[in-house]
Amino acid sequence: MPSYLPILLTFLAAAFMVGAALGLSALISPRTRMTEEKQMPFECGNRPFEEPGKRFPVHFYTVAILFIVFDIEVVFLYPWAAAFGELGKYGFFAAMFFVAVLFFGLVYEWARGGLEWH
């Protein structure tokens, strides 16, 4: 139990700081009445002409996830390129397998039409 004491004290200190910040904010914040005009969405001084919260098509998220996957690929290839000389043939073939898997995934998604923007 004594080895967990610093963790418990850290959690207690964090909880105290959060409580103190919320309490202080509630005490010194200005009290204003909310009117109908204040609750209107503000867009450059104009009244909104359509309701916010349009739905995005699922295709948008698919393209976003693909972008993240291939962006992460580049992040993993930087350390490999930095240590290329030390890794030898095993490191080279491991990285080529990694790139091949992602390449075939890209070809599959392209053939399926996942990269077409409608």
N, C-alpha and C. Protein backbone atom coordinates (compact mmCIF):
# COMPACT_ATOMS: atom_id res chain seq x y z
N MET A 1 0.81 -1.20 0.00
CA MET A 1 0.00 0.00 0.00
C MET A 1 0.85 1.26 0.00
N PRO A 2 1.98 1.31 0.69
CA PRO A 2 2.77 2.54 0.70
C PRO A 2 3.30 2.93 -0.68
N SER A 3 3.45 1.95 -1.58
CA SER A 3 3.96 2.30 -2.90
C SER A 3 2.89 3.02 -3.74
N TYR A 4 1.62 2.87 -3.37
CA TYR A 4 0.54 3.54 -4.10
C TYR A 4 0.21 4.91 -3.51
N LEU A 5 0.83 5.27 -2.41
CA LEU A 5 0.55 6.54 -1.75
C LEU A 5 0.83 7.74 -2.65
N PRO A 6 1.96 7.80 -3.38
CA PRO A 6 2.18 8.97 -4.26
C PRO A 6 1.11 9.09 -5.35
N ILE A 7 0.63 7.97 -5.88
CA ILE A 7 -0.41 8.02 -6.91
C ILE A 7 -1.71 8.55 -6.31
N LEU A 8 -2.06 8.08 -5.12
CA LEU A 8 -3.26 8.54 -4.45
C LEU A 8 -3.17 10.03 -4.15
N LEU A 9 -2.02 10.48 -3.68
CA LEU A 9 -1.84 11.91 -3.40
C LEU A 9 -1.93 12.75 -4.67
N THR A 10 -1.43 12.23 -5.78
CA THR A 10 -1.53 12.95 -7.04
C THR A 10 -2.97 13.09 -7.47
N PHE A 11 -3.75 12.01 -7.36
CA PHE A 11 -5.17 12.08 -7.71
C PHE A 11 -5.93 13.04 -6.80
N LEU A 12 -5.61 13.01 -5.51
CA LEU A 12 -6.27 13.94 -4.58
C LEU A 12 -5.92 15.39 -4.90
N ALA A 13 -4.66 15.65 -5.21
CA ALA A 13 -4.25 17.02 -5.57
C ALA A 13 -4.93 17.47 -6.85
N ALA A 14 -5.02 16.59 -7.83
CA ALA A 14 -5.70 16.94 -9.08
C ALA A 14 -7.17 17.21 -8.84
N ALA A 15 -7.83 16.38 -8.03
CA ALA A 15 -9.25 16.58 -7.74
C ALA A 15 -9.47 17.89 -7.00
N PHE A 16 -8.58 18.21 -6.07
CA PHE A 16 -8.69 19.48 -5.34
C PHE A 16 -8.51 20.66 -6.28
N MET A 17 -7.54 20.60 -7.20
CA MET A 17 -7.33 21.70 -8.13
C MET A 17 -8.52 21.90 -9.06
N VAL A 18 -9.08 20.79 -9.54
CA VAL A 18 -10.26 20.90 -10.41
C VAL A 18 -11.43 21.49 -9.64
N GLY A 19 -11.67 21.00 -8.45
CA GLY A 19 -12.75 21.54 -7.63
C GLY A 19 -12.54 23.01 -7.31
N ALA A 20 -11.31 23.39 -6.98
CA ALA A 20 -11.02 24.79 -6.67
C ALA A 20 -11.23 25.67 -7.91
N ALA A 21 -10.81 25.21 -9.07
CA ALA A 21 -10.99 26.00 -10.29
C ALA A 21 -12.46 26.17 -10.62
N LEU A 22 -13.25 25.09 -10.50
CA LEU A 22 -14.68 25.19 -10.78
C LEU A 22 -15.39 26.08 -9.75
N GLY A 23 -15.03 25.91 -8.50
CA GLY A 23 -15.64 26.74 -7.45
C GLY A 23 -15.30 28.21 -7.61
N LEU A 24 -14.06 28.51 -7.88
CA LEU A 24 -13.64 29.90 -8.07
C LEU A 24 -14.31 30.50 -9.29
N SER A 25 -14.45 29.72 -10.33
CA SER A 25 -15.13 30.20 -11.53
C SER A 25 -16.59 30.52 -11.23
N ALA A 26 -17.25 29.67 -10.45
CA ALA A 26 -18.65 29.91 -10.12
C ALA A 26 -18.80 31.14 -9.23
N LEU A 27 -17.82 31.41 -8.39
CA LEU A 27 -17.90 32.56 -7.49
C LEU A 27 -17.66 33.89 -8.18
N ILE A 28 -16.68 33.95 -9.07
CA ILE A 28 -16.31 35.25 -9.63
C ILE A 28 -16.82 35.49 -11.05
N SER A 29 -17.54 34.55 -11.63
CA SER A 29 -18.04 34.76 -12.99
C SER A 29 -19.21 35.73 -12.97
N PRO A 30 -19.34 36.52 -14.03
CA PRO A 30 -20.47 37.47 -14.06
C PRO A 30 -21.79 36.74 -14.26
N ARG A 31 -22.83 37.26 -13.64
CA ARG A 31 -24.15 36.67 -13.77
C ARG A 31 -24.93 37.48 -14.81
N THR A 32 -25.26 36.87 -15.92
CA THR A 32 -26.03 37.55 -16.96
C THR A 32 -27.28 36.76 -17.26
N ARG A 33 -28.33 37.49 -17.62
CA ARG A 33 -29.57 36.83 -18.01
C ARG A 33 -29.48 36.46 -19.48
N MET A 34 -29.93 35.26 -19.80
CA MET A 34 -29.93 34.84 -21.19
C MET A 34 -31.22 35.29 -21.85
N THR A 35 -31.09 36.05 -22.91
CA THR A 35 -32.25 36.48 -23.68
C THR A 35 -32.33 35.66 -24.95
N GLU A 36 -33.44 35.78 -25.66
CA GLU A 36 -33.60 35.04 -26.91
C GLU A 36 -32.57 35.49 -27.93
N GLU A 37 -32.25 36.76 -27.92
CA GLU A 37 -31.28 37.27 -28.89
C GLU A 37 -29.86 36.76 -28.59
N LYS A 38 -29.55 36.62 -27.31
CA LYS A 38 -28.23 36.10 -26.96
C LYS A 38 -28.08 34.63 -27.30
N GLN A 39 -29.17 33.90 -27.34
CA GLN A 39 -29.10 32.48 -27.63
C GLN A 39 -29.09 32.18 -29.12
N MET A 40 -29.26 33.20 -29.97
CA MET A 40 -29.22 33.01 -31.41
C MET A 40 -27.79 32.72 -31.85
N PRO A 41 -27.59 31.81 -32.81
CA PRO A 41 -26.24 31.58 -33.33
C PRO A 41 -25.74 32.82 -34.06
N PHE A 42 -24.48 33.13 -33.87
CA PHE A 42 -23.92 34.33 -34.48
C PHE A 42 -22.98 33.94 -35.61
N GLU A 43 -23.31 34.41 -36.81
CA GLU A 43 -22.48 34.13 -37.97
C GLU A 43 -22.22 35.43 -38.71
N CYS A 44 -21.18 36.11 -38.36
CA CYS A 44 -20.76 37.33 -39.05
C CYS A 44 -21.86 38.38 -39.06
N GLY A 45 -22.69 38.45 -38.04
CA GLY A 45 -23.72 39.47 -37.96
C GLY A 45 -24.98 39.14 -38.73
N ASN A 46 -25.03 38.03 -39.42
CA ASN A 46 -26.21 37.65 -40.20
C ASN A 46 -26.99 36.57 -39.48
N ARG A 47 -28.29 36.60 -39.66
CA ARG A 47 -29.11 35.53 -39.12
C ARG A 47 -28.89 34.28 -39.97
N PRO A 48 -28.79 33.12 -39.36
CA PRO A 48 -28.56 31.90 -40.14
C PRO A 48 -29.76 31.60 -41.05
N PHE A 49 -29.47 31.14 -42.24
CA PHE A 49 -30.55 30.85 -43.19
C PHE A 49 -30.87 29.37 -43.28
N GLU A 50 -30.11 28.53 -42.61
CA GLU A 50 -30.43 27.10 -42.54
C GLU A 50 -29.98 26.57 -41.19
N GLU A 51 -30.55 25.47 -40.80
CA GLU A 51 -30.23 24.86 -39.52
C GLU A 51 -28.81 24.28 -39.53
N PRO A 52 -28.05 24.50 -38.47
CA PRO A 52 -26.72 23.88 -38.40
C PRO A 52 -26.84 22.38 -38.13
N GLY A 53 -25.76 21.68 -38.33
CA GLY A 53 -25.74 20.26 -38.02
C GLY A 53 -26.07 19.38 -39.20
N LYS A 54 -25.66 19.80 -40.40
CA LYS A 54 -25.87 18.94 -41.56
C LYS A 54 -25.10 17.65 -41.36
N ARG A 55 -25.63 16.58 -41.90
CA ARG A 55 -24.94 15.29 -41.81
C ARG A 55 -23.94 15.18 -42.94
N PHE A 56 -22.78 14.66 -42.60
CA PHE A 56 -21.77 14.38 -43.61
C PHE A 56 -22.00 12.97 -44.14
N PRO A 57 -21.75 12.76 -45.42
CA PRO A 57 -21.90 11.40 -45.94
C PRO A 57 -20.82 10.48 -45.36
N VAL A 58 -21.11 9.20 -45.31
CA VAL A 58 -20.18 8.22 -44.77
C VAL A 58 -18.88 8.21 -45.59
N HIS A 59 -19.00 8.52 -46.86
CA HIS A 59 -17.84 8.53 -47.75
C HIS A 59 -16.78 9.53 -47.25
N PHE A 60 -17.22 10.63 -46.70
CA PHE A 60 -16.29 11.63 -46.15
C PHE A 60 -15.41 11.00 -45.07
N TYR A 61 -16.00 10.23 -44.19
CA TYR A 61 -15.25 9.60 -43.11
C TYR A 61 -14.33 8.51 -43.63
N THR A 62 -14.77 7.80 -44.67
CA THR A 62 -13.93 6.76 -45.26
C THR A 62 -12.65 7.36 -45.83
N VAL A 63 -12.79 8.45 -46.55
CA VAL A 63 -11.62 9.12 -47.12
C VAL A 63 -10.73 9.66 -46.01
N ALA A 64 -11.32 10.18 -44.95
CA ALA A 64 -10.54 10.71 -43.83
C ALA A 64 -9.75 9.60 -43.15
N ILE A 65 -10.35 8.45 -42.95
CA ILE A 65 -9.65 7.33 -42.31
C ILE A 65 -8.53 6.84 -43.20
N LEU A 66 -8.78 6.77 -44.51
CA LEU A 66 -7.72 6.35 -45.44
C LEU A 66 -6.55 7.33 -45.39
N PHE A 67 -6.85 8.61 -45.33
CA PHE A 67 -5.79 9.61 -45.24
C PHE A 67 -4.96 9.39 -43.98
N ILE A 68 -5.61 9.13 -42.86
CA ILE A 68 -4.89 8.92 -41.61
C ILE A 68 -4.03 7.67 -41.69
N VAL A 69 -4.55 6.59 -42.29
CA VAL A 69 -3.80 5.34 -42.40
C VAL A 69 -2.52 5.57 -43.20
N PHE A 70 -2.62 6.23 -44.33
CA PHE A 70 -1.44 6.42 -45.16
C PHE A 70 -0.52 7.50 -44.60
N ASP A 71 -1.05 8.40 -43.80
CA ASP A 71 -0.21 9.37 -43.12
C ASP A 71 0.61 8.68 -42.03
N ILE A 72 0.00 7.76 -41.31
CA ILE A 72 0.71 7.01 -40.28
C ILE A 72 1.78 6.12 -40.91
N GLU A 73 1.53 5.63 -42.12
CA GLU A 73 2.54 4.83 -42.82
C GLU A 73 3.83 5.63 -42.97
N VAL A 74 3.71 6.87 -43.35
CA VAL A 74 4.89 7.70 -43.52
C VAL A 74 5.59 7.92 -42.18
N VAL A 75 4.82 8.07 -41.11
CA VAL A 75 5.42 8.26 -39.79
C VAL A 75 6.22 7.03 -39.38
N PHE A 76 5.75 5.83 -39.73
CA PHE A 76 6.48 4.61 -39.39
C PHE A 76 7.70 4.41 -40.28
N LEU A 77 7.69 4.99 -41.48
CA LEU A 77 8.83 4.79 -42.37
C LEU A 77 10.00 5.73 -42.06
N TYR A 78 9.78 6.82 -41.35
CA TYR A 78 10.88 7.72 -41.00
C TYR A 78 11.94 7.05 -40.13
N PRO A 79 11.57 6.39 -39.03
CA PRO A 79 12.61 5.73 -38.23
C PRO A 79 13.31 4.61 -39.00
N TRP A 80 12.55 3.92 -39.85
CA TRP A 80 13.15 2.87 -40.68
C TRP A 80 14.20 3.47 -41.60
N ALA A 81 13.90 4.61 -42.20
CA ALA A 81 14.85 5.24 -43.11
C ALA A 81 16.08 5.74 -42.34
N ALA A 82 15.88 6.19 -41.10
CA ALA A 82 17.01 6.68 -40.31
C ALA A 82 17.95 5.55 -39.91
N ALA A 83 17.41 4.36 -39.68
CA ALA A 83 18.23 3.23 -39.26
C ALA A 83 18.40 2.20 -40.38
N PHE A 84 18.29 2.63 -41.61
CA PHE A 84 18.31 1.71 -42.75
C PHE A 84 19.60 0.90 -42.80
N GLY A 85 20.75 1.53 -42.57
CA GLY A 85 22.03 0.84 -42.66
C GLY A 85 22.22 -0.21 -41.59
N GLU A 86 21.65 0.00 -40.42
CA GLU A 86 21.84 -0.92 -39.29
C GLU A 86 20.89 -2.11 -39.34
N LEU A 87 19.78 -2.01 -40.08
CA LEU A 87 18.77 -3.07 -40.06
C LEU A 87 19.09 -4.22 -41.00
N GLY A 88 19.81 -3.95 -42.05
CA GLY A 88 20.20 -5.00 -42.98
C GLY A 88 19.04 -5.49 -43.83
N LYS A 89 19.21 -6.72 -44.33
CA LYS A 89 18.21 -7.28 -45.24
C LYS A 89 16.87 -7.53 -44.52
N TYR A 90 16.94 -7.98 -43.28
CA TYR A 90 15.70 -8.25 -42.55
C TYR A 90 14.86 -6.98 -42.41
N GLY A 91 15.50 -5.89 -42.06
CA GLY A 91 14.79 -4.61 -41.93
C GLY A 91 14.21 -4.15 -43.25
N PHE A 92 14.97 -4.35 -44.32
CA PHE A 92 14.49 -3.95 -45.64
C PHE A 92 13.24 -4.76 -46.03
N PHE A 93 13.30 -6.09 -45.88
CA PHE A 93 12.16 -6.90 -46.28
C PHE A 93 10.95 -6.70 -45.35
N ALA A 94 11.20 -6.43 -44.09
CA ALA A 94 10.09 -6.15 -43.18
C ALA A 94 9.38 -4.86 -43.59
N ALA A 95 10.16 -3.84 -43.94
CA ALA A 95 9.55 -2.57 -44.37
C ALA A 95 8.85 -2.74 -45.71
N MET A 96 9.41 -3.52 -46.61
CA MET A 96 8.76 -3.74 -47.90
C MET A 96 7.46 -4.53 -47.74
N PHE A 97 7.41 -5.46 -46.78
CA PHE A 97 6.17 -6.17 -46.50
C PHE A 97 5.12 -5.20 -45.97
N PHE A 98 5.53 -4.31 -45.08
CA PHE A 98 4.64 -3.28 -44.53
C PHE A 98 4.08 -2.40 -45.65
N VAL A 99 4.95 -1.94 -46.54
CA VAL A 99 4.53 -1.09 -47.64
C VAL A 99 3.64 -1.87 -48.61
N ALA A 100 3.95 -3.15 -48.85
CA ALA A 100 3.15 -3.96 -49.77
C ALA A 100 1.74 -4.16 -49.24
N VAL A 101 1.60 -4.42 -47.95
CA VAL A 101 0.26 -4.59 -47.37
C VAL A 101 -0.55 -3.32 -47.55
N LEU A 102 0.05 -2.18 -47.27
CA LEU A 102 -0.67 -0.92 -47.43
C LEU A 102 -0.92 -0.61 -48.91
N PHE A 103 0.00 -0.99 -49.78
CA PHE A 103 -0.19 -0.76 -51.21
C PHE A 103 -1.38 -1.57 -51.73
N PHE A 104 -1.46 -2.83 -51.34
CA PHE A 104 -2.59 -3.65 -51.78
C PHE A 104 -3.90 -3.15 -51.19
N GLY A 105 -3.84 -2.63 -49.98
CA GLY A 105 -5.04 -2.01 -49.41
C GLY A 105 -5.47 -0.79 -50.20
N LEU A 106 -4.51 0.00 -50.64
CA LEU A 106 -4.81 1.17 -51.46
C LEU A 106 -5.39 0.76 -52.81
N VAL A 107 -4.80 -0.26 -53.45
CA VAL A 107 -5.30 -0.73 -54.73
C VAL A 107 -6.73 -1.26 -54.58
N TYR A 108 -6.99 -2.00 -53.52
CA TYR A 108 -8.32 -2.52 -53.27
C TYR A 108 -9.34 -1.38 -53.10
N GLU A 109 -8.96 -0.39 -52.31
CA GLU A 109 -9.87 0.73 -52.07
C GLU A 109 -10.10 1.53 -53.34
N TRP A 110 -9.09 1.68 -54.14
CA TRP A 110 -9.19 2.40 -55.41
C TRP A 110 -10.11 1.63 -56.37
N ALA A 111 -9.92 0.31 -56.46
CA ALA A 111 -10.75 -0.51 -57.35
C ALA A 111 -12.20 -0.52 -56.89
N ARG A 112 -12.42 -0.45 -55.61
CA ARG A 112 -13.77 -0.42 -55.05
C ARG A 112 -14.46 0.92 -55.24
N GLY A 113 -13.67 1.95 -55.59
CA GLY A 113 -14.24 3.29 -55.78
C GLY A 113 -14.27 4.11 -54.51
N GLY A 114 -13.50 3.73 -53.52
CA GLY A 114 -13.50 4.45 -52.25
C GLY A 114 -12.82 5.80 -52.31
N LEU A 115 -12.03 6.04 -53.34
CA LEU A 115 -11.33 7.31 -53.45
C LEU A 115 -12.03 8.29 -54.38
N GLU A 116 -13.15 7.88 -54.96
CA GLU A 116 -13.90 8.78 -55.85
C GLU A 116 -14.71 9.74 -55.00
N TRP A 117 -14.62 11.00 -55.32
CA TRP A 117 -15.37 12.01 -54.58
C TRP A 117 -16.60 12.37 -55.39
N HIS A 118 -17.78 12.13 -54.82
CA HIS A 118 -19.03 12.33 -55.57
C HIS A 118 -19.49 13.76 -55.43
